N, C-alpha and C. Protein backbone atom coordinates (compact mmCIF):
# COMPACT_ATOMS: atom_id res chain seq x y z
N MET A 1 0.74 -1.22 0.23
CA MET A 1 0.13 -0.18 -0.29
C MET A 1 0.80 1.11 0.00
N ARG A 2 0.34 2.01 -0.89
CA ARG A 2 1.28 3.36 -1.01
C ARG A 2 0.43 4.64 -0.76
N ILE A 3 0.94 5.32 0.12
CA ILE A 3 0.00 6.67 0.38
C ILE A 3 1.14 7.87 0.26
N SER A 4 0.80 8.74 -0.30
CA SER A 4 1.93 9.65 -0.38
C SER A 4 1.60 10.57 0.92
N VAL A 5 2.79 11.20 1.33
CA VAL A 5 2.58 12.22 2.78
C VAL A 5 1.51 13.41 2.57
N ASP A 6 1.68 13.81 1.06
CA ASP A 6 1.09 14.91 0.97
C ASP A 6 -0.74 14.61 1.30
N SER A 7 -0.89 13.43 0.72
CA SER A 7 -2.14 13.01 0.85
C SER A 7 -2.78 13.04 2.19
N LEU A 8 -1.95 12.15 3.10
CA LEU A 8 -2.25 12.25 4.47
C LEU A 8 -2.25 13.57 5.20
N LEU A 9 -1.77 14.30 4.62
CA LEU A 9 -1.56 15.69 5.48
C LEU A 9 -2.78 16.56 5.10
N LYS A 10 -3.45 16.16 3.74
CA LYS A 10 -4.58 16.82 3.47
C LYS A 10 -5.85 16.17 4.09
N LEU A 11 -5.71 15.14 4.75
CA LEU A 11 -7.05 14.48 5.74
C LEU A 11 -7.27 15.38 6.73
N PRO A 12 -8.73 15.31 6.67
CA PRO A 12 -9.10 16.25 7.87
C PRO A 12 -8.82 15.83 9.39
N GLN A 13 -8.81 16.47 10.27
CA GLN A 13 -8.29 16.00 11.39
C GLN A 13 -9.44 14.96 11.99
N GLY A 14 -9.01 13.73 12.49
CA GLY A 14 -9.95 12.66 13.07
C GLY A 14 -10.33 11.81 11.69
N ALA A 15 -10.06 12.01 10.48
CA ALA A 15 -10.55 11.20 9.39
C ALA A 15 -9.22 10.21 9.45
N THR A 16 -9.84 9.06 8.67
CA THR A 16 -8.80 7.72 8.68
C THR A 16 -8.91 7.20 6.87
N TYR A 17 -7.73 6.70 6.81
CA TYR A 17 -7.62 6.03 5.49
C TYR A 17 -7.67 4.67 5.50
N HIS A 18 -8.44 3.86 4.98
CA HIS A 18 -8.57 2.53 4.95
C HIS A 18 -8.22 1.72 3.54
N ARG A 19 -7.62 0.58 3.55
CA ARG A 19 -7.62 -0.18 2.44
C ARG A 19 -7.26 -1.32 2.78
N LYS A 20 -7.99 -2.35 1.94
CA LYS A 20 -8.00 -3.76 2.18
C LYS A 20 -7.28 -4.38 0.85
N SER A 21 -6.75 -5.59 1.11
CA SER A 21 -6.06 -6.17 -0.08
C SER A 21 -5.84 -7.68 0.33
N GLY A 22 -7.01 -8.39 -0.01
CA GLY A 22 -7.20 -9.80 0.25
C GLY A 22 -7.77 -9.81 1.92
N GLN A 23 -6.72 -10.55 2.62
CA GLN A 23 -7.20 -10.83 3.91
C GLN A 23 -6.44 -9.69 4.75
N ALA A 24 -5.71 -8.84 4.18
CA ALA A 24 -4.88 -7.58 4.97
C ALA A 24 -5.72 -6.25 4.91
N HIS A 25 -5.72 -5.88 6.07
CA HIS A 25 -6.50 -4.46 6.02
C HIS A 25 -5.43 -3.49 6.95
N ALA A 26 -5.57 -2.30 6.35
CA ALA A 26 -4.76 -1.07 6.80
C ALA A 26 -5.66 0.08 7.10
N GLU A 27 -5.27 0.89 8.04
CA GLU A 27 -6.02 1.95 8.41
C GLU A 27 -4.80 2.88 8.97
N VAL A 28 -4.93 4.13 8.29
CA VAL A 28 -3.80 5.29 8.40
C VAL A 28 -4.60 6.32 8.96
N SER A 29 -4.35 7.20 9.96
CA SER A 29 -4.76 8.40 10.48
C SER A 29 -4.04 9.35 11.09
N ILE A 30 -4.34 10.57 11.09
CA ILE A 30 -3.61 11.49 11.87
C ILE A 30 -3.99 12.32 12.92
N ARG A 31 -3.35 12.21 13.75
CA ARG A 31 -4.02 12.92 15.29
C ARG A 31 -2.83 13.88 15.58
N GLY A 32 -3.09 15.30 15.40
CA GLY A 32 -2.16 16.19 15.80
C GLY A 32 -1.03 16.23 14.76
N ASP A 33 0.04 15.78 15.11
CA ASP A 33 1.48 16.00 14.14
C ASP A 33 1.81 14.56 14.10
N THR A 34 1.10 13.49 14.47
CA THR A 34 1.48 12.17 14.48
C THR A 34 0.89 11.20 13.40
N ILE A 35 1.19 10.45 12.70
CA ILE A 35 0.72 9.40 11.85
C ILE A 35 0.51 8.11 12.43
N TYR A 36 -0.71 7.60 12.61
CA TYR A 36 -0.90 6.14 13.19
C TYR A 36 -1.28 5.33 12.25
N VAL A 37 -0.61 4.27 12.11
CA VAL A 37 -1.00 3.24 11.01
C VAL A 37 -1.33 1.56 11.85
N THR A 38 -2.31 1.28 11.43
CA THR A 38 -2.79 -0.21 12.12
C THR A 38 -3.03 -0.89 10.88
N GLY A 39 -2.32 -2.29 11.15
CA GLY A 39 -2.52 -3.36 10.11
C GLY A 39 -3.13 -4.50 10.57
N THR A 40 -4.00 -5.19 9.84
CA THR A 40 -4.28 -6.60 10.51
C THR A 40 -4.38 -7.54 9.51
N CYS A 41 -4.37 -8.80 9.82
CA CYS A 41 -4.82 -9.80 8.92
C CYS A 41 -5.34 -10.98 9.48
N ASP A 42 -6.38 -11.05 8.77
CA ASP A 42 -7.37 -12.29 9.04
C ASP A 42 -6.76 -13.56 9.43
N SER A 43 -5.87 -14.10 8.55
CA SER A 43 -5.36 -15.60 8.71
C SER A 43 -4.14 -15.47 9.97
N LEU A 44 -3.63 -14.26 10.01
CA LEU A 44 -2.79 -14.01 11.38
C LEU A 44 -3.49 -13.96 12.38
N ALA A 45 -4.67 -13.36 12.56
CA ALA A 45 -5.39 -13.40 13.52
C ALA A 45 -5.84 -14.80 14.03
N ARG A 46 -6.38 -15.73 12.83
CA ARG A 46 -6.77 -16.89 13.25
C ARG A 46 -5.60 -17.74 14.00
N GLN A 47 -4.38 -17.55 13.42
CA GLN A 47 -3.31 -18.55 13.78
C GLN A 47 -2.81 -17.81 15.24
N VAL A 48 -3.01 -16.67 15.72
CA VAL A 48 -2.98 -16.10 16.90
C VAL A 48 -3.88 -16.71 17.83
N GLU A 49 -5.23 -17.06 17.64
CA GLU A 49 -6.37 -17.35 18.35
C GLU A 49 -6.09 -18.89 18.60
N TYR A 50 -5.35 -19.41 17.36
CA TYR A 50 -4.90 -20.99 17.45
C TYR A 50 -3.95 -21.18 18.75
N TYR A 51 -3.07 -20.53 18.51
CA TYR A 51 -2.18 -20.67 19.52
C TYR A 51 -2.17 -20.30 20.83
N GLU A 52 -2.89 -19.34 20.95
CA GLU A 52 -3.39 -18.98 22.36
C GLU A 52 -4.72 -20.03 22.94
N ALA A 53 -5.17 -20.56 21.90
CA ALA A 53 -5.81 -21.81 22.41
C ALA A 53 -5.21 -22.97 23.07
N LEU A 54 -3.78 -23.24 22.26
CA LEU A 54 -3.15 -24.15 22.55
C LEU A 54 -2.22 -24.04 23.87
N TYR A 55 -1.94 -22.61 23.81
CA TYR A 55 -1.26 -22.25 25.25
C TYR A 55 -2.04 -22.46 26.32
N HIS A 56 -3.33 -21.98 26.28
CA HIS A 56 -4.26 -22.11 27.44
C HIS A 56 -4.57 -23.79 27.84
N ASN A 57 -4.63 -24.33 26.87
CA ASN A 57 -4.98 -25.87 27.14
C ASN A 57 -4.00 -26.59 27.92
N ALA A 58 -2.66 -26.11 27.24
CA ALA A 58 -1.41 -26.81 27.87
C ALA A 58 -1.08 -26.33 29.15
N ARG A 59 -1.35 -24.95 29.45
CA ARG A 59 -1.21 -24.43 30.72
C ARG A 59 -2.27 -25.15 31.63
N ASP A 60 -3.48 -25.48 31.41
CA ASP A 60 -4.38 -26.08 32.44
C ASP A 60 -4.16 -27.17 32.39
N ALA A 61 -3.85 -28.09 31.63
CA ALA A 61 -3.12 -29.43 31.70
C ALA A 61 -2.05 -29.77 32.72
N LEU A 62 -0.97 -28.65 32.44
CA LEU A 62 0.08 -28.49 33.43
C LEU A 62 -0.49 -28.24 34.91
N GLU A 63 -1.35 -27.52 35.12
CA GLU A 63 -1.80 -27.01 36.39
C GLU A 63 -2.44 -28.17 36.95
N ASN A 64 -3.24 -28.97 36.16
CA ASN A 64 -3.90 -30.19 36.63
C ASN A 64 -3.01 -31.25 36.95
N TYR A 65 -1.89 -31.41 36.07
CA TYR A 65 -0.74 -32.40 36.69
C TYR A 65 -0.05 -31.88 37.93
N HIS A 66 0.10 -30.91 38.00
CA HIS A 66 0.92 -30.26 39.23
C HIS A 66 -0.04 -30.41 40.32
N ALA A 67 -1.37 -30.45 40.10
CA ALA A 67 -2.30 -30.63 41.52
C ALA A 67 -2.43 -32.11 41.75
N THR A 68 -2.12 -32.85 40.78
CA THR A 68 -2.47 -34.34 41.02
C THR A 68 -1.31 -35.02 41.75
N VAL A 69 -0.02 -34.24 41.25
CA VAL A 69 1.23 -34.67 41.85
C VAL A 69 1.25 -34.46 43.24
N ARG A 70 0.69 -32.96 43.76
CA ARG A 70 0.94 -32.51 44.89
C ARG A 70 0.18 -33.48 45.92
N GLU A 71 -1.16 -33.89 45.25
CA GLU A 71 -2.02 -34.68 45.91
C GLU A 71 -1.48 -36.09 46.22
N GLU A 72 -1.03 -36.60 45.43
CA GLU A 72 -0.16 -37.83 45.74
C GLU A 72 0.97 -37.82 46.53
N ALA A 73 1.63 -36.77 46.34
CA ALA A 73 2.67 -36.67 47.29
C ALA A 73 2.11 -36.56 48.87
N LYS A 74 0.97 -36.24 48.75
CA LYS A 74 0.46 -35.91 50.42
C LYS A 74 -0.09 -37.48 50.69
N THR A 75 -0.73 -38.36 49.79
CA THR A 75 -1.20 -39.40 50.26
C THR A 75 0.01 -40.72 50.19
N ARG A 76 1.01 -40.39 49.47
CA ARG A 76 1.94 -41.61 49.17
C ARG A 76 2.75 -41.72 50.59
N GLU A 77 2.95 -43.21 50.84
CA GLU A 77 3.72 -43.36 51.92
C GLU A 77 4.99 -42.88 51.84
N SER A 78 5.90 -42.80 52.83
CA SER A 78 7.26 -42.37 52.79
C SER A 78 8.20 -43.74 52.42
N PRO A 79 9.09 -43.55 51.64
CA PRO A 79 10.05 -44.64 51.14
C PRO A 79 10.49 -45.34 52.22
N LEU A 80 10.82 -44.50 53.17
CA LEU A 80 11.59 -45.06 54.48
C LEU A 80 10.54 -46.03 55.33
N ASN A 81 9.22 -45.46 55.55
CA ASN A 81 8.28 -46.27 56.12
C ASN A 81 8.15 -47.46 55.55
N ALA A 82 7.91 -47.65 54.02
CA ALA A 82 7.53 -48.64 53.45
C ALA A 82 9.06 -49.73 53.33
N PHE A 83 10.05 -49.27 53.72
CA PHE A 83 11.13 -50.04 53.67
C PHE A 83 11.21 -50.71 54.90
N VAL A 84 10.90 -50.07 56.05
CA VAL A 84 11.09 -50.62 57.27
C VAL A 84 9.88 -51.47 57.47
N LYS A 85 8.80 -51.54 57.05
CA LYS A 85 7.50 -52.05 57.19
C LYS A 85 7.79 -53.65 56.45
N GLY A 86 8.39 -53.58 55.11
CA GLY A 86 9.03 -54.52 54.32
C GLY A 86 9.93 -55.45 55.17
N LEU A 87 10.80 -54.69 55.85
CA LEU A 87 11.84 -55.35 56.51
C LEU A 87 11.36 -56.11 57.76
N VAL A 88 10.42 -55.39 58.46
CA VAL A 88 9.85 -56.23 59.67
C VAL A 88 9.23 -57.22 59.18
N LEU A 89 8.10 -57.25 58.14
CA LEU A 89 7.54 -58.22 57.60
C LEU A 89 8.28 -59.56 57.18
N GLY A 90 9.35 -59.26 56.49
CA GLY A 90 10.13 -60.15 55.97
C GLY A 90 11.04 -60.95 57.24
N ILE A 91 11.61 -60.30 58.45
CA ILE A 91 11.94 -60.71 59.44
C ILE A 91 11.18 -61.69 60.21
N VAL A 92 9.89 -61.24 60.43
CA VAL A 92 8.79 -62.12 61.01
C VAL A 92 8.37 -63.21 60.32
N SER A 93 8.02 -63.16 59.02
CA SER A 93 7.83 -64.09 58.18
C SER A 93 8.94 -65.08 57.96
N GLY A 94 10.08 -64.88 58.17
CA GLY A 94 11.49 -65.70 58.08
C GLY A 94 11.63 -66.16 59.35
N ILE A 95 11.23 -65.86 60.39
CA ILE A 95 11.51 -66.37 61.84
C ILE A 95 10.13 -67.50 61.87
N SER A 96 9.23 -66.89 61.39
CA SER A 96 7.74 -67.93 61.62
C SER A 96 7.78 -68.98 60.51
N LEU A 97 8.37 -69.04 59.56
CA LEU A 97 8.84 -70.08 58.52
C LEU A 97 9.87 -70.95 58.97
N THR A 98 10.89 -70.39 59.65
CA THR A 98 11.89 -71.57 60.29
C THR A 98 11.24 -72.12 61.62
N TYR A 99 10.53 -71.46 62.18
CA TYR A 99 10.03 -72.27 63.31
C TYR A 99 9.02 -73.26 62.79
N PHE A 100 8.06 -73.01 61.99
CA PHE A 100 7.31 -74.10 61.59
C PHE A 100 8.07 -75.19 60.92
N ILE A 101 9.06 -74.91 60.15
CA ILE A 101 9.94 -76.12 59.51
C ILE A 101 10.73 -76.85 60.51
N LYS A 102 11.12 -76.21 61.74
CA LYS A 102 11.72 -76.95 62.66
C LYS A 102 10.81 -78.08 63.36
N ILE A 103 9.22 -77.41 63.60
CA ILE A 103 8.41 -78.33 64.37
C ILE A 103 8.09 -79.56 63.20
N SER A 104 7.79 -79.36 62.09
CA SER A 104 7.40 -80.23 61.10
C SER A 104 8.69 -81.25 61.01
N LYS A 105 9.75 -81.06 61.11
CA LYS A 105 10.75 -81.82 60.97
C LYS A 105 10.90 -82.44 62.22
N ARG A 106 10.83 -82.09 63.40
CA ARG A 106 10.56 -82.80 64.63
C ARG A 106 9.41 -83.83 64.63
N ARG A 107 8.49 -83.19 64.24
CA ARG A 107 7.49 -84.57 64.18
C ARG A 107 7.48 -85.60 63.16
N LYS A 108 8.42 -85.54 61.97
CA LYS A 108 8.64 -86.49 61.56
C LYS A 108 9.88 -87.38 61.95
N ASN A 109 10.68 -86.73 62.85
CA ASN A 109 11.89 -87.56 63.34
C ASN A 109 11.29 -88.48 64.48
N GLU A 110 10.09 -88.06 65.05
CA GLU A 110 9.39 -88.97 66.37
C GLU A 110 8.63 -90.07 65.75
């Protein structure tokens, strides 16, 4: 899009110049001694919306994941407690099994 500076300077105060080319739109205006140019593109706007939606979905999924991890961390048993319980259970079952094997061998020998 080409606009000569003379054409812009001849615009009345508050007036804007619009131009459309396919999916691209441009708007030029003068306020005081400043020239404002605004450009948009429909396909670009759609891409921005698409990536914003992806971002929000990913952010929500990550927040849900963090909430789940925090909740599991609260309810999960500590590894040390699990180890101690397993160790005690192993020792008790080993002693019990040894005791029952000795008793059954004594009965067979008698």
